[in-house]
């Protein structure tokens, strides 16, 4: 996402999970944080750090494939992408990866049309 936004002329940066401790110093007023649903426990640490921020707290979006994500209440907005249950098998057309790729494509089309 960072590279796609930069190609569209939008300043963007990403942070690796081992650098979450830098979050309180990384944001300025008006920033937006987009997190893609992850089973990585670092997301909990990230949201804990953000919840302690005062004036520089970014607006937060969670992009997930279920409305029941364990951290959904910690985000300002949640976007739930369509997908099919994994119980249908591994070779399904509308899997999680496909949903995320389609979301990025639609987001970039929206951003580029808006400019």
PDB file of N, CA and C in Angstrom:
ATOM      1  N   UNK A   1       0.825  -1.192   0.000  1.00  0.00           N
ATOM      2  CA  UNK A   1       0.000   0.000   0.000  1.00  0.00           C
ATOM      3  C   UNK A   1       0.868   1.253   0.000  1.00  0.00           C
ATOM      4  N   UNK A   2       1.943   1.218   0.756  1.00  0.00           N
ATOM      5  CA  UNK A   2       2.819   2.397   0.824  1.00  0.00           C
ATOM      6  C   UNK A   2       3.308   2.792  -0.566  1.00  0.00           C
ATOM      7  N   UNK A   3       3.790   1.826  -1.324  1.00  0.00           N
ATOM      8  CA  UNK A   3       4.315   2.111  -2.661  1.00  0.00           C
ATOM      9  C   UNK A   3       3.223   2.636  -3.586  1.00  0.00           C
ATOM     10  N   UNK A   4       2.029   2.057  -3.525  1.00  0.00           N
ATOM     11  CA  UNK A   4       0.929   2.518  -4.372  1.00  0.00           C
ATOM     12  C   UNK A   4       0.538   3.950  -4.041  1.00  0.00           C
ATOM     13  N   UNK A   5       0.480   4.283  -2.761  1.00  0.00           N
ATOM     14  CA  UNK A   5       0.150   5.648  -2.366  1.00  0.00           C
ATOM     15  C   UNK A   5       1.224   6.633  -2.806  1.00  0.00           C
ATOM     16  N   UNK A   6       2.483   6.250  -2.642  1.00  0.00           N
ATOM     17  CA  UNK A   6       3.582   7.131  -3.048  1.00  0.00           C
ATOM     18  C   UNK A   6       3.541   7.385  -4.562  1.00  0.00           C
ATOM     19  N   UNK A   7       3.209   6.351  -5.337  1.00  0.00           N
ATOM     20  CA  UNK A   7       3.092   6.518  -6.783  1.00  0.00           C
ATOM     21  C   UNK A   7       1.963   7.476  -7.155  1.00  0.00           C
ATOM     22  N   UNK A   8       0.988   7.598  -6.289  1.00  0.00           N
ATOM     23  CA  UNK A   8      -0.134   8.509  -6.517  1.00  0.00           C
ATOM     24  C   UNK A   8       0.129   9.898  -5.946  1.00  0.00           C
ATOM     25  N   UNK A   9       1.322  10.112  -5.422  1.00  0.00           N
ATOM     26  CA  UNK A   9       1.684  11.421  -4.894  1.00  0.00           C
ATOM     27  C   UNK A   9       1.233  11.669  -3.464  1.00  0.00           C
ATOM     28  N   UNK A  10       0.908  10.608  -2.747  1.00  0.00           N
ATOM     29  CA  UNK A  10       0.465  10.736  -1.360  1.00  0.00           C
ATOM     30  C   UNK A  10       1.577  10.259  -0.446  1.00  0.00           C
ATOM     31  N   UNK A  11       1.984  11.116   0.475  1.00  0.00           N
ATOM     32  CA  UNK A  11       3.039  10.744   1.414  1.00  0.00           C
ATOM     33  C   UNK A  11       2.543   9.598   2.287  1.00  0.00           C
ATOM     34  N   UNK A  12       3.297   8.522   2.320  1.00  0.00           N
ATOM     35  CA  UNK A  12       2.912   7.344   3.097  1.00  0.00           C
ATOM     36  C   UNK A  12       4.164   6.673   3.635  1.00  0.00           C
ATOM     37  N   UNK A  13       4.001   5.996   4.736  1.00  0.00           N
ATOM     38  CA  UNK A  13       5.113   5.215   5.270  1.00  0.00           C
ATOM     39  C   UNK A  13       4.546   4.008   5.996  1.00  0.00           C
ATOM     40  N   UNK A  14       5.378   3.017   6.122  1.00  0.00           N
ATOM     41  CA  UNK A  14       4.963   1.814   6.843  1.00  0.00           C
ATOM     42  C   UNK A  14       5.966   1.576   7.962  1.00  0.00           C
ATOM     43  N   UNK A  15       5.553   0.763   8.896  1.00  0.00           N
ATOM     44  CA  UNK A  15       6.432   0.469  10.025  1.00  0.00           C
ATOM     45  C   UNK A  15       6.395  -1.031  10.264  1.00  0.00           C
ATOM     46  N   UNK A  16       7.566  -1.602  10.456  1.00  0.00           N
ATOM     47  CA  UNK A  16       7.626  -3.048  10.687  1.00  0.00           C
ATOM     48  C   UNK A  16       7.232  -3.360  12.121  1.00  0.00           C
ATOM     49  N   UNK A  17       6.805  -4.584  12.328  1.00  0.00           N
ATOM     50  CA  UNK A  17       6.289  -4.958  13.642  1.00  0.00           C
ATOM     51  C   UNK A  17       7.336  -4.849  14.746  1.00  0.00           C
ATOM     52  N   UNK A  18       8.610  -4.932  14.406  1.00  0.00           N
ATOM     53  CA  UNK A  18       9.631  -4.821  15.449  1.00  0.00           C
ATOM     54  C   UNK A  18       9.934  -3.363  15.826  1.00  0.00           C
ATOM     55  N   UNK A  19       9.272  -2.422  15.142  1.00  0.00           N
ATOM     56  CA  UNK A  19       9.486  -0.997  15.420  1.00  0.00           C
ATOM     57  C   UNK A  19       8.239  -0.322  15.984  1.00  0.00           C
ATOM     58  N   UNK A  20       7.289  -1.111  16.470  1.00  0.00           N
ATOM     59  CA  UNK A  20       6.045  -0.560  16.994  1.00  0.00           C
ATOM     60  C   UNK A  20       6.300   0.444  18.113  1.00  0.00           C
ATOM     61  N   UNK A  21       7.361   0.285  18.848  1.00  0.00           N
ATOM     62  CA  UNK A  21       7.670   1.204  19.946  1.00  0.00           C
ATOM     63  C   UNK A  21       7.883   2.630  19.456  1.00  0.00           C
ATOM     64  N   UNK A  22       8.131   2.813  18.144  1.00  0.00           N
ATOM     65  CA  UNK A  22       8.325   4.148  17.581  1.00  0.00           C
ATOM     66  C   UNK A  22       7.016   4.886  17.301  1.00  0.00           C
ATOM     67  N   UNK A  23       5.899   4.196  17.375  1.00  0.00           N
ATOM     68  CA  UNK A  23       4.623   4.794  16.983  1.00  0.00           C
ATOM     69  C   UNK A  23       4.312   6.136  17.645  1.00  0.00           C
ATOM     70  N   UNK A  24       4.497   6.279  18.934  1.00  0.00           N
ATOM     71  CA  UNK A  24       4.144   7.579  19.536  1.00  0.00           C
ATOM     72  C   UNK A  24       4.892   8.770  18.937  1.00  0.00           C
ATOM     73  N   UNK A  25       6.028   8.540  18.310  1.00  0.00           N
ATOM     74  CA  UNK A  25       6.783   9.643  17.711  1.00  0.00           C
ATOM     75  C   UNK A  25       6.590   9.734  16.203  1.00  0.00           C
ATOM     76  N   UNK A  26       5.843   8.811  15.629  1.00  0.00           N
ATOM     77  CA  UNK A  26       5.746   8.723  14.175  1.00  0.00           C
ATOM     78  C   UNK A  26       4.615   9.547  13.567  1.00  0.00           C
ATOM     79  N   UNK A  27       3.642   9.959  14.371  1.00  0.00           N
ATOM     80  CA  UNK A  27       2.457  10.599  13.816  1.00  0.00           C
ATOM     81  C   UNK A  27       2.401  12.086  14.109  1.00  0.00           C
ATOM     82  N   UNK A  28       1.721  12.790  13.211  1.00  0.00           N
ATOM     83  CA  UNK A  28       1.411  14.202  13.406  1.00  0.00           C
ATOM     84  C   UNK A  28      -0.108  14.335  13.284  1.00  0.00           C
ATOM     85  N   UNK A  29      -0.685  15.416  13.790  1.00  0.00           N
ATOM     86  CA  UNK A  29      -2.140  15.584  13.695  1.00  0.00           C
ATOM     87  C   UNK A  29      -2.626  15.435  12.247  1.00  0.00           C
ATOM     88  N   UNK A  30      -3.723  14.720  12.086  1.00  0.00           N
ATOM     89  CA  UNK A  30      -4.297  14.524  10.752  1.00  0.00           C
ATOM     90  C   UNK A  30      -3.848  13.254  10.058  1.00  0.00           C
ATOM     91  N   UNK A  31      -2.942  12.498  10.678  1.00  0.00           N
ATOM     92  CA  UNK A  31      -2.483  11.258  10.061  1.00  0.00           C
ATOM     93  C   UNK A  31      -3.567  10.185  10.103  1.00  0.00           C
ATOM     94  N   UNK A  32      -3.424   9.243   9.206  1.00  0.00           N
ATOM     95  CA  UNK A  32      -4.337   8.114   9.101  1.00  0.00           C
ATOM     96  C   UNK A  32      -3.524   6.834   9.202  1.00  0.00           C
ATOM     97  N   UNK A  33      -3.970   5.904  10.016  1.00  0.00           N
ATOM     98  CA  UNK A  33      -3.314   4.612  10.164  1.00  0.00           C
ATOM     99  C   UNK A  33      -4.240   3.539   9.619  1.00  0.00           C
ATOM    100  N   UNK A  34      -3.745   2.759   8.670  1.00  0.00           N
ATOM    101  CA  UNK A  34      -4.513   1.657   8.099  1.00  0.00           C
ATOM    102  C   UNK A  34      -3.814   0.368   8.486  1.00  0.00           C
ATOM    103  N   UNK A  35      -4.539  -0.493   9.180  1.00  0.00           N
ATOM    104  CA  UNK A  35      -4.019  -1.811   9.551  1.00  0.00           C
ATOM    105  C   UNK A  35      -4.833  -2.871   8.845  1.00  0.00           C
ATOM    106  N   UNK A  36      -4.141  -3.829   8.278  1.00  0.00           N
ATOM    107  CA  UNK A  36      -4.814  -4.968   7.694  1.00  0.00           C
ATOM    108  C   UNK A  36      -4.884  -6.053   8.747  1.00  0.00           C
ATOM    109  N   UNK A  37      -6.037  -6.686   8.842  1.00  0.00           N
ATOM    110  CA  UNK A  37      -6.255  -7.719   9.843  1.00  0.00           C
ATOM    111  C   UNK A  37      -5.083  -8.675   9.871  1.00  0.00           C
ATOM    112  N   UNK A  38      -4.668  -8.973  11.064  1.00  0.00           N
ATOM    113  CA  UNK A  38      -3.491  -9.810  11.229  1.00  0.00           C
ATOM    114  C   UNK A  38      -3.669 -10.687  12.451  1.00  0.00           C
ATOM    115  N   UNK A  39      -3.154 -11.868  12.348  1.00  0.00           N
ATOM    116  CA  UNK A  39      -3.172 -12.744  13.516  1.00  0.00           C
ATOM    117  C   UNK A  39      -1.904 -12.531  14.347  1.00  0.00           C
ATOM    118  N   UNK A  40      -1.160 -11.515  13.976  1.00  0.00           N
ATOM    119  CA  UNK A  40       0.089 -11.190  14.648  1.00  0.00           C
ATOM    120  C   UNK A  40      -0.222 -10.478  15.975  1.00  0.00           C
ATOM    121  N   UNK A  41       0.309 -10.952  17.088  1.00  0.00           N
ATOM    122  CA  UNK A  41       0.032 -10.311  18.387  1.00  0.00           C
ATOM    123  C   UNK A  41       0.556  -8.880  18.480  1.00  0.00           C
ATOM    124  N   UNK A  42       1.401  -8.468  17.561  1.00  0.00           N
ATOM    125  CA  UNK A  42       1.944  -7.116  17.588  1.00  0.00           C
ATOM    126  C   UNK A  42       0.851  -6.076  17.371  1.00  0.00           C
ATOM    127  N   UNK A  43      -0.223  -6.452  16.688  1.00  0.00           N
ATOM    128  CA  UNK A  43      -1.318  -5.503  16.466  1.00  0.00           C
ATOM    129  C   UNK A  43      -1.907  -5.033  17.791  1.00  0.00           C
ATOM    130  N   UNK A  44      -2.001  -5.904  18.768  1.00  0.00           N
ATOM    131  CA  UNK A  44      -2.492  -5.526  20.103  1.00  0.00           C
ATOM    132  C   UNK A  44      -1.531  -4.513  20.730  1.00  0.00           C
ATOM    133  N   UNK A  45      -0.236  -4.768  20.615  1.00  0.00           N
ATOM    134  CA  UNK A  45       0.779  -3.846  21.150  1.00  0.00           C
ATOM    135  C   UNK A  45       0.677  -2.492  20.460  1.00  0.00           C
ATOM    136  N   UNK A  46       0.483  -2.511  19.164  1.00  0.00           N
ATOM    137  CA  UNK A  46       0.357  -1.274  18.389  1.00  0.00           C
ATOM    138  C   UNK A  46      -0.841  -0.465  18.860  1.00  0.00           C
ATOM    139  N   UNK A  47      -1.974  -1.112  19.007  1.00  0.00           N
ATOM    140  CA  UNK A  47      -3.178  -0.390  19.417  1.00  0.00           C
ATOM    141  C   UNK A  47      -3.075   0.110  20.858  1.00  0.00           C
ATOM    142  N   UNK A  48      -2.377  -0.629  21.701  1.00  0.00           N
ATOM    143  CA  UNK A  48      -2.138  -0.155  23.068  1.00  0.00           C
ATOM    144  C   UNK A  48      -1.316   1.128  23.046  1.00  0.00           C
ATOM    145  N   UNK A  49      -0.287   1.151  22.210  1.00  0.00           N
ATOM    146  CA  UNK A  49       0.565   2.345  22.106  1.00  0.00           C
ATOM    147  C   UNK A  49      -0.230   3.531  21.567  1.00  0.00           C
ATOM    148  N   UNK A  50      -1.069   3.299  20.588  1.00  0.00           N
ATOM    149  CA  UNK A  50      -1.859   4.381  20.000  1.00  0.00           C
ATOM    150  C   UNK A  50      -2.904   4.904  20.985  1.00  0.00           C
ATOM    151  N   UNK A  51      -3.477   4.020  21.770  1.00  0.00           N
ATOM    152  CA  UNK A  51      -4.501   4.461  22.725  1.00  0.00           C
ATOM    153  C   UNK A  51      -3.928   5.398  23.785  1.00  0.00           C
ATOM    154  N   UNK A  52      -2.630   5.350  24.015  1.00  0.00           N
ATOM    155  CA  UNK A  52      -1.982   6.219  25.004  1.00  0.00           C
ATOM    156  C   UNK A  52      -1.568   7.567  24.423  1.00  0.00           C
ATOM    157  N   UNK A  53      -1.732   7.731  23.114  1.00  0.00           N
ATOM    158  CA  UNK A  53      -1.337   8.980  22.480  1.00  0.00           C
ATOM    159  C   UNK A  53      -2.392  10.049  22.710  1.00  0.00           C
ATOM    160  N   UNK A  54      -1.954  11.279  22.855  1.00  0.00           N
ATOM    161  CA  UNK A  54      -2.885  12.380  23.060  1.00  0.00           C
ATOM    162  C   UNK A  54      -3.123  13.131  21.755  1.00  0.00           C
ATOM    163  N   UNK A  55      -2.416  14.201  21.563  1.00  0.00           N
ATOM    164  CA  UNK A  55      -2.677  15.103  20.444  1.00  0.00           C
ATOM    165  C   UNK A  55      -2.310  14.534  19.080  1.00  0.00           C
ATOM    166  N   UNK A  56      -1.357  13.646  18.989  1.00  0.00           N
ATOM    167  CA  UNK A  56      -0.921  13.136  17.698  1.00  0.00           C
ATOM    168  C   UNK A  56      -1.543  11.796  17.321  1.00  0.00           C
ATOM    169  N   UNK A  57      -2.585  11.396  18.027  1.00  0.00           N
ATOM    170  CA  UNK A  57      -3.214  10.100  17.739  1.00  0.00           C
ATOM    171  C   UNK A  57      -3.807  10.115  16.327  1.00  0.00           C
ATOM    172  N   UNK A  58      -3.436   9.139  15.506  1.00  0.00           N
ATOM    173  CA  UNK A  58      -3.982   9.100  14.146  1.00  0.00           C
ATOM    174  C   UNK A  58      -5.405   8.537  14.136  1.00  0.00           C
ATOM    175  N   UNK A  59      -6.146   8.838  13.080  1.00  0.00           N
ATOM    176  CA  UNK A  59      -7.428   8.192  12.848  1.00  0.00           C
ATOM    177  C   UNK A  59      -7.104   6.785  12.369  1.00  0.00           C
ATOM    178  N   UNK A  60      -7.781   5.774  12.901  1.00  0.00           N
ATOM    179  CA  UNK A  60      -7.399   4.399  12.616  1.00  0.00           C
ATOM    180  C   UNK A  60      -8.473   3.628  11.862  1.00  0.00           C
ATOM    181  N   UNK A  61      -8.026   2.881  10.854  1.00  0.00           N
ATOM    182  CA  UNK A  61      -8.879   1.987  10.083  1.00  0.00           C
ATOM    183  C   UNK A  61      -8.357   0.570  10.229  1.00  0.00           C
ATOM    184  N   UNK A  62      -9.260  -0.361  10.410  1.00  0.00           N
ATOM    185  CA  UNK A  62      -8.926  -1.778  10.373  1.00  0.00           C
ATOM    186  C   UNK A  62      -9.590  -2.360   9.138  1.00  0.00           C
ATOM    187  N   UNK A  63      -8.820  -3.019   8.304  1.00  0.00           N
ATOM    188  CA  UNK A  63      -9.337  -3.713   7.135  1.00  0.00           C
ATOM    189  C   UNK A  63      -9.315  -5.193   7.503  1.00  0.00           C
ATOM    190  N   UNK A  64     -10.481  -5.809   7.557  1.00  0.00           N
ATOM    191  CA  UNK A  64     -10.577  -7.192   8.035  1.00  0.00           C
ATOM    192  C   UNK A  64     -11.549  -7.986   7.167  1.00  0.00           C
ATOM    193  N   UNK A  65     -11.551  -9.278   7.357  1.00  0.00           N
ATOM    194  CA  UNK A  65     -12.484 -10.138   6.626  1.00  0.00           C
ATOM    195  C   UNK A  65     -13.583 -10.660   7.537  1.00  0.00           C
ATOM    196  N   UNK A  66     -13.649 -10.135   8.734  1.00  0.00           N
ATOM    197  CA  UNK A  66     -14.713 -10.506   9.661  1.00  0.00           C
ATOM    198  C   UNK A  66     -15.061  -9.313  10.546  1.00  0.00           C
ATOM    199  N   UNK A  67     -16.336  -9.104  10.821  1.00  0.00           N
ATOM    200  CA  UNK A  67     -16.703  -8.019  11.739  1.00  0.00           C
ATOM    201  C   UNK A  67     -16.395  -8.376  13.195  1.00  0.00           C
ATOM    202  N   UNK A  68     -15.990  -9.604  13.440  1.00  0.00           N
ATOM    203  CA  UNK A  68     -15.730 -10.071  14.802  1.00  0.00           C
ATOM    204  C   UNK A  68     -14.242 -10.076  15.151  1.00  0.00           C
ATOM    205  N   UNK A  69     -13.446  -9.297  14.444  1.00  0.00           N
ATOM    206  CA  UNK A  69     -12.015  -9.236  14.753  1.00  0.00           C
ATOM    207  C   UNK A  69     -11.864  -8.841  16.222  1.00  0.00           C
ATOM    208  N   UNK A  70     -10.968  -9.505  16.962  1.00  0.00           N
ATOM    209  CA  UNK A  70     -10.858  -9.237  18.404  1.00  0.00           C
ATOM    210  C   UNK A  70     -10.514  -7.792  18.766  1.00  0.00           C
ATOM    211  N   UNK A  71      -9.943  -7.039  17.852  1.00  0.00           N
ATOM    212  CA  UNK A  71      -9.559  -5.655  18.157  1.00  0.00           C
ATOM    213  C   UNK A  71     -10.456  -4.621  17.465  1.00  0.00           C
ATOM    214  N   UNK A  72     -11.561  -5.036  16.880  1.00  0.00           N
ATOM    215  CA  UNK A  72     -12.366  -4.108  16.089  1.00  0.00           C
ATOM    216  C   UNK A  72     -12.833  -2.887  16.889  1.00  0.00           C
ATOM    217  N   UNK A  73     -13.032  -3.031  18.178  1.00  0.00           N
ATOM    218  CA  UNK A  73     -13.505  -1.899  18.980  1.00  0.00           C
ATOM    219  C   UNK A  73     -12.408  -0.878  19.266  1.00  0.00           C
ATOM    220  N   UNK A  74     -11.159  -1.241  19.003  1.00  0.00           N
ATOM    221  CA  UNK A  74     -10.046  -0.328  19.249  1.00  0.00           C
ATOM    222  C   UNK A  74      -9.814   0.634  18.084  1.00  0.00           C
ATOM    223  N   UNK A  75     -10.477   0.405  16.970  1.00  0.00           N
ATOM    224  CA  UNK A  75     -10.270   1.218  15.765  1.00  0.00           C
ATOM    225  C   UNK A  75     -11.414   2.213  15.593  1.00  0.00           C
ATOM    226  N   UNK A  76     -11.105   3.336  14.948  1.00  0.00           N
ATOM    227  CA  UNK A  76     -12.138   4.328  14.671  1.00  0.00           C
ATOM    228  C   UNK A  76     -13.131   3.813  13.631  1.00  0.00           C
ATOM    229  N   UNK A  77     -12.640   3.127  12.630  1.00  0.00           N
ATOM    230  CA  UNK A  77     -13.484   2.574  11.568  1.00  0.00           C
ATOM    231  C   UNK A  77     -12.993   1.183  11.220  1.00  0.00           C
ATOM    232  N   UNK A  78     -13.926   0.316  10.825  1.00  0.00           N
ATOM    233  CA  UNK A  78     -13.584  -1.035  10.391  1.00  0.00           C
ATOM    234  C   UNK A  78     -14.219  -1.269   9.031  1.00  0.00           C
ATOM    235  N   UNK A  79     -13.423  -1.733   8.089  1.00  0.00           N
ATOM    236  CA  UNK A  79     -13.915  -2.106   6.769  1.00  0.00           C
ATOM    237  C   UNK A  79     -13.861  -3.626   6.705  1.00  0.00           C
ATOM    238  N   UNK A  80     -15.016  -4.241   6.463  1.00  0.00           N
ATOM    239  CA  UNK A  80     -15.084  -5.695   6.391  1.00  0.00           C
ATOM    240  C   UNK A  80     -15.172  -6.095   4.921  1.00  0.00           C
ATOM    241  N   UNK A  81     -14.184  -6.866   4.482  1.00  0.00           N
ATOM    242  CA  UNK A  81     -14.127  -7.306   3.090  1.00  0.00           C
ATOM    243  C   UNK A  81     -14.858  -8.633   2.923  1.00  0.00           C
ATOM    244  N   UNK A  82     -15.444  -8.844   1.753  1.00  0.00           N
ATOM    245  CA  UNK A  82     -16.119 -10.116   1.510  1.00  0.00           C
ATOM    246  C   UNK A  82     -15.102 -11.239   1.285  1.00  0.00           C
ATOM    247  N   UNK A  83     -15.424 -12.394   1.773  1.00  0.00           N
ATOM    248  CA  UNK A  83     -14.589 -13.566   1.557  1.00  0.00           C
ATOM    249  C   UNK A  83     -15.453 -14.793   1.796  1.00  0.00           C
ATOM    250  N   UNK A  84     -14.964 -15.928   1.409  1.00  0.00           N
ATOM    251  CA  UNK A  84     -15.662 -17.184   1.655  1.00  0.00           C
ATOM    252  C   UNK A  84     -14.978 -17.918   2.789  1.00  0.00           C
ATOM    253  N   UNK A  85     -15.715 -18.678   3.571  1.00  0.00           N
ATOM    254  CA  UNK A  85     -15.094 -19.390   4.697  1.00  0.00           C
ATOM    255  C   UNK A  85     -14.054 -20.399   4.236  1.00  0.00           C
ATOM    256  N   UNK A  86     -12.994 -20.517   5.005  1.00  0.00           N
ATOM    257  CA  UNK A  86     -11.925 -21.454   4.673  1.00  0.00           C
ATOM    258  C   UNK A  86     -12.403 -22.895   4.712  1.00  0.00           C
ATOM    259  N   UNK A  87     -13.519 -23.132   5.341  1.00  0.00           N
ATOM    260  CA  UNK A  87     -14.041 -24.497   5.406  1.00  0.00           C
ATOM    261  C   UNK A  87     -14.434 -25.027   4.031  1.00  0.00           C
ATOM    262  N   UNK A  88     -14.555 -24.120   3.053  1.00  0.00           N
ATOM    263  CA  UNK A  88     -14.889 -24.553   1.698  1.00  0.00           C
ATOM    264  C   UNK A  88     -13.691 -25.125   0.962  1.00  0.00           C
ATOM    265  N   UNK A  89     -12.523 -25.002   1.529  1.00  0.00           N
ATOM    266  CA  UNK A  89     -11.324 -25.532   0.889  1.00  0.00           C
ATOM    267  C   UNK A  89     -10.322 -24.441   0.615  1.00  0.00           C
ATOM    268  N   UNK A  90      -9.138 -24.845   0.274  1.00  0.00           N
ATOM    269  CA  UNK A  90      -8.063 -23.874   0.062  1.00  0.00           C
ATOM    270  C   UNK A  90      -8.084 -23.251  -1.323  1.00  0.00           C
ATOM    271  N   UNK A  91      -8.725 -23.863  -2.271  1.00  0.00           N
ATOM    272  CA  UNK A  91      -8.703 -23.347  -3.633  1.00  0.00           C
ATOM    273  C   UNK A  91     -10.010 -22.643  -3.969  1.00  0.00           C
ATOM    274  N   UNK A  92     -10.370 -21.676  -3.146  1.00  0.00           N
ATOM    275  CA  UNK A  92     -11.572 -20.904  -3.405  1.00  0.00           C
ATOM    276  C   UNK A  92     -11.193 -19.608  -4.101  1.00  0.00           C
ATOM    277  N   UNK A  93     -12.105 -19.123  -4.923  1.00  0.00           N
ATOM    278  CA  UNK A  93     -11.812 -17.939  -5.734  1.00  0.00           C
ATOM    279  C   UNK A  93     -11.735 -16.670  -4.900  1.00  0.00           C
ATOM    280  N   UNK A  94     -12.621 -16.519  -3.950  1.00  0.00           N
ATOM    281  CA  UNK A  94     -12.697 -15.276  -3.178  1.00  0.00           C
ATOM    282  C   UNK A  94     -12.097 -15.473  -1.794  1.00  0.00           C
ATOM    283  N   UNK A  95     -10.822 -15.807  -1.747  1.00  0.00           N
ATOM    284  CA  UNK A  95     -10.131 -15.979  -0.481  1.00  0.00           C
ATOM    285  C   UNK A  95      -9.698 -14.644   0.087  1.00  0.00           C
ATOM    286  N   UNK A  96      -9.106 -14.676   1.270  1.00  0.00           N
ATOM    287  CA  UNK A  96      -8.684 -13.449   1.945  1.00  0.00           C
ATOM    288  C   UNK A  96      -7.711 -12.635   1.102  1.00  0.00           C
ATOM    289  N   UNK A  97      -6.713 -13.281   0.536  1.00  0.00           N
ATOM    290  CA  UNK A  97      -5.703 -12.554  -0.244  1.00  0.00           C
ATOM    291  C   UNK A  97      -6.340 -11.828  -1.418  1.00  0.00           C
ATOM    292  N   UNK A  98      -7.259 -12.478  -2.081  1.00  0.00           N
ATOM    293  CA  UNK A  98      -7.956 -11.857  -3.212  1.00  0.00           C
ATOM    294  C   UNK A  98      -8.755 -10.636  -2.745  1.00  0.00           C
ATOM    295  N   UNK A  99      -9.427 -10.761  -1.610  1.00  0.00           N
ATOM    296  CA  UNK A  99     -10.209  -9.638  -1.081  1.00  0.00           C
ATOM    297  C   UNK A  99      -9.320  -8.444  -0.786  1.00  0.00           C
ATOM    298  N   UNK A 100      -8.168  -8.676  -0.184  1.00  0.00           N
ATOM    299  CA  UNK A 100      -7.255  -7.573   0.118  1.00  0.00           C
ATOM    300  C   UNK A 100      -6.739  -6.926  -1.167  1.00  0.00           C
ATOM    301  N   UNK A 101      -6.410  -7.736  -2.146  1.00  0.00           N
ATOM    302  CA  UNK A 101      -5.906  -7.189  -3.417  1.00  0.00           C
ATOM    303  C   UNK A 101      -6.984  -6.356  -4.109  1.00  0.00           C
ATOM    304  N   UNK A 102      -8.220  -6.837  -4.105  1.00  0.00           N
ATOM    305  CA  UNK A 102      -9.310  -6.080  -4.720  1.00  0.00           C
ATOM    306  C   UNK A 102      -9.554  -4.779  -3.957  1.00  0.00           C
ATOM    307  N   UNK A 103      -9.484  -4.818  -2.635  1.00  0.00           N
ATOM    308  CA  UNK A 103      -9.661  -3.609  -1.838  1.00  0.00           C
ATOM    309  C   UNK A 103      -8.602  -2.573  -2.210  1.00  0.00           C
ATOM    310  N   UNK A 104      -7.350  -2.995  -2.292  1.00  0.00           N
ATOM    311  CA  UNK A 104      -6.278  -2.059  -2.653  1.00  0.00           C
ATOM    312  C   UNK A 104      -6.511  -1.466  -4.035  1.00  0.00           C
ATOM    313  N   UNK A 105      -6.947  -2.288  -4.968  1.00  0.00           N
ATOM    314  CA  UNK A 105      -7.213  -1.797  -6.313  1.00  0.00           C
ATOM    315  C   UNK A 105      -8.341  -0.760  -6.299  1.00  0.00           C
ATOM    316  N   UNK A 106      -9.426  -1.053  -5.600  1.00  0.00           N
ATOM    317  CA  UNK A 106     -10.539  -0.103  -5.518  1.00  0.00           C
ATOM    318  C   UNK A 106     -10.140   1.174  -4.784  1.00  0.00           C
ATOM    319  N   UNK A 107      -9.375   1.041  -3.712  1.00  0.00           N
ATOM    320  CA  UNK A 107      -8.905   2.209  -2.966  1.00  0.00           C
ATOM    321  C   UNK A 107      -8.055   3.104  -3.856  1.00  0.00           C
ATOM    322  N   UNK A 108      -7.141   2.515  -4.599  1.00  0.00           N
ATOM    323  CA  UNK A 108      -6.267   3.314  -5.451  1.00  0.00           C
ATOM    324  C   UNK A 108      -7.052   3.964  -6.591  1.00  0.00           C
ATOM    325  N   UNK A 109      -8.035   3.274  -7.139  1.00  0.00           N
ATOM    326  CA  UNK A 109      -8.880   3.889  -8.168  1.00  0.00           C
ATOM    327  C   UNK A 109      -9.621   5.090  -7.597  1.00  0.00           C
ATOM    328  N   UNK A 110     -10.151   4.947  -6.382  1.00  0.00           N
ATOM    329  CA  UNK A 110     -10.863   6.037  -5.736  1.00  0.00           C
ATOM    330  C   UNK A 110      -9.931   7.230  -5.495  1.00  0.00           C
ATOM    331  N   UNK A 111      -8.748   6.955  -4.990  1.00  0.00           N
ATOM    332  CA  UNK A 111      -7.788   8.015  -4.698  1.00  0.00           C
ATOM    333  C   UNK A 111      -7.383   8.736  -5.988  1.00  0.00           C
ATOM    334  N   UNK A 112      -7.077   7.964  -7.020  1.00  0.00           N
ATOM    335  CA  UNK A 112      -6.635   8.571  -8.280  1.00  0.00           C
ATOM    336  C   UNK A 112      -7.748   9.332  -8.986  1.00  0.00           C
ATOM    337  N   UNK A 113      -8.994   8.876  -8.872  1.00  0.00           N
ATOM    338  CA  UNK A 113     -10.123   9.597  -9.457  1.00  0.00           C
ATOM    339  C   UNK A 113     -10.417  10.881  -8.702  1.00  0.00           C
ATOM    340  N   UNK A 114     -10.111  10.890  -7.410  1.00  0.00           N
ATOM    341  CA  UNK A 114     -10.396  12.033  -6.543  1.00  0.00           C
ATOM    342  C   UNK A 114      -9.387  13.165  -6.717  1.00  0.00           C
ATOM    343  N   UNK A 115      -8.229  12.847  -7.284  1.00  0.00           N
ATOM    344  CA  UNK A 115      -7.178  13.875  -7.417  1.00  0.00           C
ATOM    345  C   UNK A 115      -7.355  14.739  -8.627  1.00  0.00           C
TER     346      UNK A 115
END
